[in-house]
Amino acid sequence: MLALRALGLGDLLTGVPALRALRRAFPDAEITLAAPAWLADAVRRIDAVDRHLPTEGLVPVRCDEPDLAVNLHGRGPQSTELLRATRPRELIAFGPRVPWPDDVHEVVRWCGLLEAHGIAADPDDLRLPPPGDRTSAIVVHPGASHAARHWPARRFAEVARALGPDVVVTGSAAEADLVRAVADGKPTAIGPLASLLDLVATARLVVCGDTGVAHVATAYGTPSVVLFGPVSPALWGPRSGPHRALWHGTTGDTFADRPDPGLLRISAAEVLAASYEALGGGPCDGSASSARAMSG
């Protein structure tokens, strides 16, 4: 069996319930997941995947004649045609039979695709087993894949300072300058995905924007405060658990070259109030009430 989800870290983790549904429906099948090579450490943690086929974006997939090909990548037609080119005996994808649903949570979307093909799927089946016990670390992750989701570095720095000595500021090698600017002398973790996954999995709090790290926190049940701007948390936010999604109720262009105006309306005071609540200390003031907060 071949499943395609050649996207980012958050996309991969929101696809876990669908992958597990395929495992339950086809317990004897070898499930191959076509996903970017850099996600190998994350793919290895998904118990429903037997084999990782590294692929970058919408390029031809080297897998001939699978019994079943499942498009967990997008609405098509490009991704669907790539899978059709592998000559599968059966293909599951959005199309005339199962139209693409707008305005539904990303996890629900892919579970719904499988349900429409008679495969039971549980949108809440997305937890990963933690690699160890909780630590005292508080992860502040200022990066994001698009400029529209970049909350100002100086506000992240203010939050990091206020949350105290247990803060670790994280990011990729490409985000090293941003990480150091936010950390301002605090500990940093820049580098391998496996290390980031372990750190988030065992932290006591994660503060970040709408990015892959937020989905890592959801997968491991790590309390989080997630800042939303151009996209509603109803579509990409945590559906349950010890999480707080801050959003001022406006949507915008995800691919804009500047921070979303709605995201900029979230203040450092709001983030700190939600963080203290998540840590069990209660709100430091009433400022968080000005944002729409979701707490599972």
Protein backbone atom coordinates (compact mmCIF):
# COMPACT_ATOMS: atom_id res chain seq x y z
CA MET A 1 0.00 0.00 0.00
CA LEU A 2 1.21 3.48 -0.87
CA ALA A 3 0.13 6.70 0.90
CA LEU A 4 1.27 10.13 -0.27
CA ARG A 5 1.74 13.09 2.08
CA ALA A 6 4.74 14.99 0.77
CA LEU A 7 4.28 18.08 2.94
CA GLY A 8 5.61 19.47 6.24
CA LEU A 9 5.90 18.29 9.82
CA GLY A 10 2.49 19.50 10.95
CA ASP A 11 0.88 18.00 7.85
CA LEU A 12 2.50 14.66 8.59
CA LEU A 13 1.24 14.58 12.16
CA THR A 14 -2.31 15.57 11.23
CA GLY A 15 -2.28 12.58 8.89
CA VAL A 16 -1.54 10.07 11.68
CA PRO A 17 -5.20 9.18 12.39
CA ALA A 18 -5.77 8.38 8.70
CA LEU A 19 -2.61 6.27 8.55
CA ARG A 20 -3.66 4.35 11.65
CA ALA A 21 -7.09 3.81 10.13
CA LEU A 22 -5.41 2.22 7.11
CA ARG A 23 -3.35 0.00 9.42
CA ARG A 24 -6.46 -1.22 11.21
CA ALA A 25 -8.32 -1.82 7.96
CA PHE A 26 -5.40 -3.64 6.34
CA PRO A 27 -3.41 -5.22 9.20
CA ASP A 28 -1.32 -7.46 6.92
CA ALA A 29 -0.40 -4.79 4.38
CA GLU A 30 3.00 -3.13 4.14
CA ILE A 31 2.23 0.58 4.34
CA THR A 32 4.68 2.79 2.46
CA LEU A 33 4.49 6.52 3.13
CA ALA A 34 5.85 8.90 0.50
CA ALA A 35 7.01 11.94 2.47
CA PRO A 36 10.00 14.32 2.47
CA ALA A 37 13.35 12.84 3.45
CA TRP A 38 13.92 15.42 6.21
CA LEU A 39 10.89 14.00 8.07
CA ALA A 40 12.46 10.55 8.48
CA ASP A 41 12.83 10.86 12.27
CA ALA A 42 9.15 11.76 12.61
CA VAL A 43 7.96 9.05 10.21
CA ARG A 44 9.83 6.42 12.25
CA ARG A 45 7.69 7.32 15.27
CA ILE A 46 4.41 6.55 13.49
CA ASP A 47 3.50 2.97 14.27
CA ALA A 48 1.22 2.70 11.24
CA VAL A 49 4.06 3.14 8.71
CA ASP A 50 6.28 0.24 7.66
CA ARG A 51 8.42 1.99 5.05
CA HIS A 52 9.35 5.59 4.32
CA LEU A 53 9.72 6.50 0.66
CA PRO A 54 11.55 9.86 0.55
CA THR A 55 10.00 12.25 -1.93
CA GLU A 56 10.06 16.01 -2.33
CA GLY A 57 6.82 17.71 -3.32
CA LEU A 58 4.83 16.64 -6.34
CA VAL A 59 7.41 14.60 -8.22
CA PRO A 60 6.99 11.09 -9.69
CA VAL A 61 6.69 8.46 -6.96
CA ARG A 62 8.87 5.38 -7.42
CA CYS A 63 6.48 2.63 -6.40
CA ASP A 64 5.07 0.29 -9.02
CA GLU A 65 1.62 -1.26 -8.90
CA PRO A 66 0.66 -1.03 -5.21
CA ASP A 67 -2.50 -2.86 -4.22
CA LEU A 68 -3.87 0.42 -2.92
CA ALA A 69 -2.74 4.03 -3.32
CA VAL A 70 -4.14 6.68 -0.98
CA ASN A 71 -3.87 10.40 -1.67
CA LEU A 72 -3.42 12.07 1.72
CA HIS A 73 -1.61 14.98 0.08
CA GLY A 74 -4.21 17.27 -1.45
CA ARG A 75 -7.35 17.72 -3.46
CA GLY A 76 -5.68 16.92 -6.80
CA PRO A 77 -5.50 16.66 -9.69
CA GLN A 78 -1.66 16.69 -9.71
CA SER A 79 -1.19 14.54 -6.62
CA THR A 80 -3.88 12.11 -7.74
CA GLU A 81 -2.29 11.75 -11.16
CA LEU A 82 1.08 11.01 -9.59
CA LEU A 83 -0.46 8.13 -7.69
CA ARG A 84 -2.41 6.93 -10.70
CA ALA A 85 0.90 6.73 -12.58
CA THR A 86 2.04 4.01 -10.15
CA ARG A 87 -0.75 1.82 -11.61
CA PRO A 88 -2.43 0.88 -8.34
CA ARG A 89 -5.13 -1.75 -8.26
CA GLU A 90 -7.26 0.68 -6.28
CA LEU A 91 -7.00 4.41 -5.64
CA ILE A 92 -8.52 6.47 -2.82
CA ALA A 93 -8.58 10.21 -3.45
CA PHE A 94 -10.86 13.22 -3.42
CA GLY A 95 -12.72 13.65 -6.70
CA PRO A 96 -16.22 13.45 -8.19
CA ARG A 97 -17.21 10.57 -5.92
CA VAL A 98 -15.93 12.24 -2.75
CA PRO A 99 -15.74 16.04 -3.16
CA TRP A 100 -13.08 18.04 -1.32
CA PRO A 101 -14.63 19.50 1.88
CA ASP A 102 -13.91 23.14 2.66
CA ASP A 103 -13.83 24.61 6.16
CA VAL A 104 -13.20 21.39 8.06
CA HIS A 105 -10.33 20.57 10.38
CA GLU A 106 -7.36 19.03 8.58
CA VAL A 107 -7.48 15.86 10.69
CA VAL A 108 -11.20 15.42 10.03
CA ARG A 109 -10.72 15.97 6.28
CA TRP A 110 -8.52 12.91 5.78
CA CYS A 111 -10.46 10.71 8.16
CA GLY A 112 -13.57 11.69 6.24
CA LEU A 113 -12.00 10.63 2.95
CA LEU A 114 -11.38 7.15 4.33
CA GLU A 115 -14.83 6.96 5.94
CA ALA A 116 -16.36 7.72 2.55
CA HIS A 117 -14.55 4.63 1.24
CA GLY A 118 -15.80 2.40 4.06
CA ILE A 119 -12.69 2.65 6.28
CA ALA A 120 -13.42 3.60 9.89
CA ALA A 121 -11.18 6.41 11.14
CA ASP A 122 -10.86 8.15 14.52
CA PRO A 123 -9.74 11.81 14.27
CA ASP A 124 -8.54 11.72 17.87
CA ASP A 125 -6.15 8.80 17.31
CA LEU A 126 -3.08 10.98 16.87
CA ARG A 127 -1.06 10.59 20.06
CA LEU A 128 2.52 9.35 19.86
CA PRO A 129 4.24 7.54 22.75
CA PRO A 130 6.57 9.94 24.61
CA PRO A 131 10.28 9.08 24.60
CA GLY A 132 10.69 9.80 28.32
CA ASP A 133 9.37 11.55 31.40
CA ARG A 134 8.44 15.22 31.56
CA THR A 135 11.25 17.67 32.20
CA SER A 136 11.12 21.22 33.50
CA ALA A 137 11.79 22.68 30.05
CA ILE A 138 9.56 25.37 28.57
CA VAL A 139 9.97 25.44 24.80
CA VAL A 140 9.62 28.76 22.99
CA HIS A 141 9.64 28.23 19.23
CA PRO A 142 9.55 31.56 17.31
CA GLY A 143 9.87 30.26 13.74
CA ALA A 144 7.20 29.49 11.17
CA SER A 145 7.14 28.35 7.56
CA HIS A 146 5.61 31.57 6.19
CA ALA A 147 6.05 35.23 7.06
CA ALA A 148 2.32 35.61 7.65
CA ARG A 149 2.69 33.36 10.72
CA HIS A 150 5.71 35.14 12.19
CA TRP A 151 4.79 36.77 15.49
CA PRO A 152 7.38 39.50 16.23
CA ALA A 153 10.69 38.26 17.62
CA ARG A 154 10.76 40.98 20.27
CA ARG A 155 7.45 39.73 21.67
CA PHE A 156 8.72 36.15 21.75
CA ALA A 157 11.80 37.49 23.56
CA GLU A 158 9.59 39.26 26.11
CA VAL A 159 7.68 36.04 26.73
CA ALA A 160 10.88 34.01 27.02
CA ARG A 161 12.30 36.42 29.59
CA ALA A 162 9.15 36.39 31.69
CA LEU A 163 8.77 32.60 31.73
CA GLY A 164 12.04 32.23 33.59
CA PRO A 165 15.17 30.10 33.64
CA ASP A 166 13.64 26.88 32.29
CA VAL A 167 13.03 28.34 28.81
CA VAL A 168 14.75 26.76 25.81
CA VAL A 169 14.39 28.58 22.49
CA THR A 170 14.25 26.21 19.53
CA GLY A 171 14.51 26.34 15.76
CA SER A 172 16.08 24.88 12.66
CA ALA A 173 19.58 25.67 11.44
CA ALA A 174 18.05 28.14 8.98
CA GLU A 175 16.42 29.95 11.92
CA ALA A 176 19.59 30.21 14.02
CA ASP A 177 19.76 34.02 13.96
CA LEU A 178 16.10 34.31 14.99
CA VAL A 179 16.56 31.75 17.77
CA ARG A 180 19.57 33.56 19.23
CA ALA A 181 17.85 36.94 19.04
CA VAL A 182 14.84 35.64 20.94
CA ALA A 183 16.94 33.68 23.44
CA ASP A 184 19.15 36.68 24.36
CA GLY A 185 21.47 34.41 26.33
CA LYS A 186 18.97 31.72 27.34
CA PRO A 187 19.59 28.09 26.30
CA THR A 188 18.88 27.24 22.67
CA ALA A 189 18.28 24.04 20.74
CA ILE A 190 19.10 24.39 17.07
CA GLY A 191 19.43 21.38 14.88
CA PRO A 192 18.25 17.82 14.29
CA LEU A 193 14.55 17.05 14.06
CA ALA A 194 14.87 14.05 16.39
CA SER A 195 16.23 16.24 19.18
CA LEU A 196 13.45 18.78 18.71
CA LEU A 197 10.81 16.04 18.83
CA ASP A 198 12.24 14.64 22.06
CA LEU A 199 12.49 18.08 23.66
CA VAL A 200 8.89 19.02 22.82
CA ALA A 201 7.62 15.57 23.82
CA THR A 202 9.05 15.88 27.34
CA ALA A 203 8.63 19.63 27.94
CA ARG A 204 6.08 21.02 30.37
CA LEU A 205 4.97 23.78 28.00
CA VAL A 206 5.39 24.83 24.36
CA VAL A 207 4.78 28.38 23.15
CA CYS A 208 4.76 28.77 19.37
CA GLY A 209 2.95 29.97 16.30
CA ASP A 210 0.76 27.95 13.96
CA THR A 211 3.54 25.66 12.78
CA GLY A 212 4.76 22.07 12.90
CA VAL A 213 5.98 22.26 16.50
CA ALA A 214 2.41 22.96 17.62
CA HIS A 215 1.36 19.63 16.13
CA VAL A 216 4.28 17.89 17.84
CA ALA A 217 2.97 19.22 21.17
CA THR A 218 -0.49 17.91 20.31
CA ALA A 219 0.88 14.51 19.32
CA TYR A 220 2.70 14.13 22.64
CA GLY A 221 0.07 15.75 24.85
CA THR A 222 2.47 18.52 25.86
CA PRO A 223 0.60 21.63 27.10
CA SER A 224 0.88 24.39 24.54
CA VAL A 225 -0.01 27.98 23.76
CA VAL A 226 -0.39 28.41 20.00
CA LEU A 227 -0.71 31.78 18.25
CA PHE A 228 -3.00 31.91 15.22
CA GLY A 229 -3.26 34.64 12.59
CA PRO A 230 -4.29 34.05 9.01
CA VAL A 231 -5.86 30.63 9.64
CA SER A 232 -8.50 29.72 12.22
CA PRO A 233 -7.60 27.17 14.91
CA ALA A 234 -10.87 25.47 13.98
CA LEU A 235 -9.07 24.28 10.84
CA TRP A 236 -5.55 23.59 12.10
CA GLY A 237 -5.54 23.98 15.88
CA PRO A 238 -5.50 21.37 18.65
CA ARG A 239 -8.91 19.70 18.86
CA SER A 240 -8.58 18.68 22.50
CA GLY A 241 -6.05 18.35 25.28
CA PRO A 242 -4.08 20.77 27.48
CA HIS A 243 -3.75 23.41 24.76
CA ARG A 244 -4.67 27.08 24.38
CA ALA A 245 -5.12 28.55 20.93
CA LEU A 246 -5.04 32.36 20.80
CA TRP A 247 -6.82 33.95 17.86
CA HIS A 248 -8.51 37.30 17.30
CA GLY A 249 -11.13 35.96 14.91
CA THR A 250 -9.84 37.24 11.56
CA THR A 251 -8.42 35.32 8.61
CA GLY A 252 -5.93 36.41 5.96
CA ASP A 253 -3.42 35.33 3.35
CA THR A 254 -1.33 32.43 4.59
CA PHE A 255 1.34 33.17 1.99
CA ALA A 256 1.65 36.90 2.60
CA ASP A 257 5.16 38.32 2.91
CA ARG A 258 4.46 40.04 6.23
CA PRO A 259 2.89 39.04 9.58
CA ASP A 260 -0.87 38.72 9.50
CA PRO A 261 -2.66 41.73 11.08
CA GLY A 262 -4.76 39.43 13.24
CA LEU A 263 -1.67 37.68 14.53
CA LEU A 264 -0.13 41.04 15.43
CA ARG A 265 -3.16 41.81 17.60
CA ILE A 266 -2.05 39.09 20.03
CA SER A 267 -0.04 40.76 22.78
CA ALA A 268 2.79 39.36 24.85
CA ALA A 269 0.58 39.84 27.92
CA GLU A 270 -2.06 37.53 26.42
CA VAL A 271 0.51 34.87 25.64
CA LEU A 272 1.95 35.09 29.15
CA ALA A 273 -1.49 34.85 30.74
CA ALA A 274 -2.29 31.73 28.72
CA SER A 275 1.15 30.29 29.51
CA TYR A 276 0.73 30.73 33.26
CA GLU A 277 -2.69 29.09 33.05
CA ALA A 278 -1.23 26.16 31.11
CA LEU A 279 1.50 25.80 33.73
CA GLY A 280 -1.14 25.63 36.44
CA GLY A 281 -0.35 28.95 38.06
CA GLY A 282 -3.53 30.74 37.06
CA PRO A 283 -3.78 33.87 34.93
CA CYS A 284 -1.47 36.76 35.78
CA ASP A 285 -4.19 39.20 34.73
CA GLY A 286 -7.33 39.32 32.63
CA SER A 287 -5.67 40.22 29.36
CA ALA A 288 -6.14 36.81 27.77
CA SER A 289 -9.89 37.36 27.67
CA SER A 290 -9.48 39.73 24.74
CA ALA A 291 -8.39 36.87 22.52
CA ARG A 292 -10.50 33.90 21.59
CA ALA A 293 -8.95 31.07 23.60
CA MET A 294 -9.64 27.38 23.21
CA SER A 295 -8.73 25.15 26.12
CA GLY A 296 -9.42 21.43 25.99
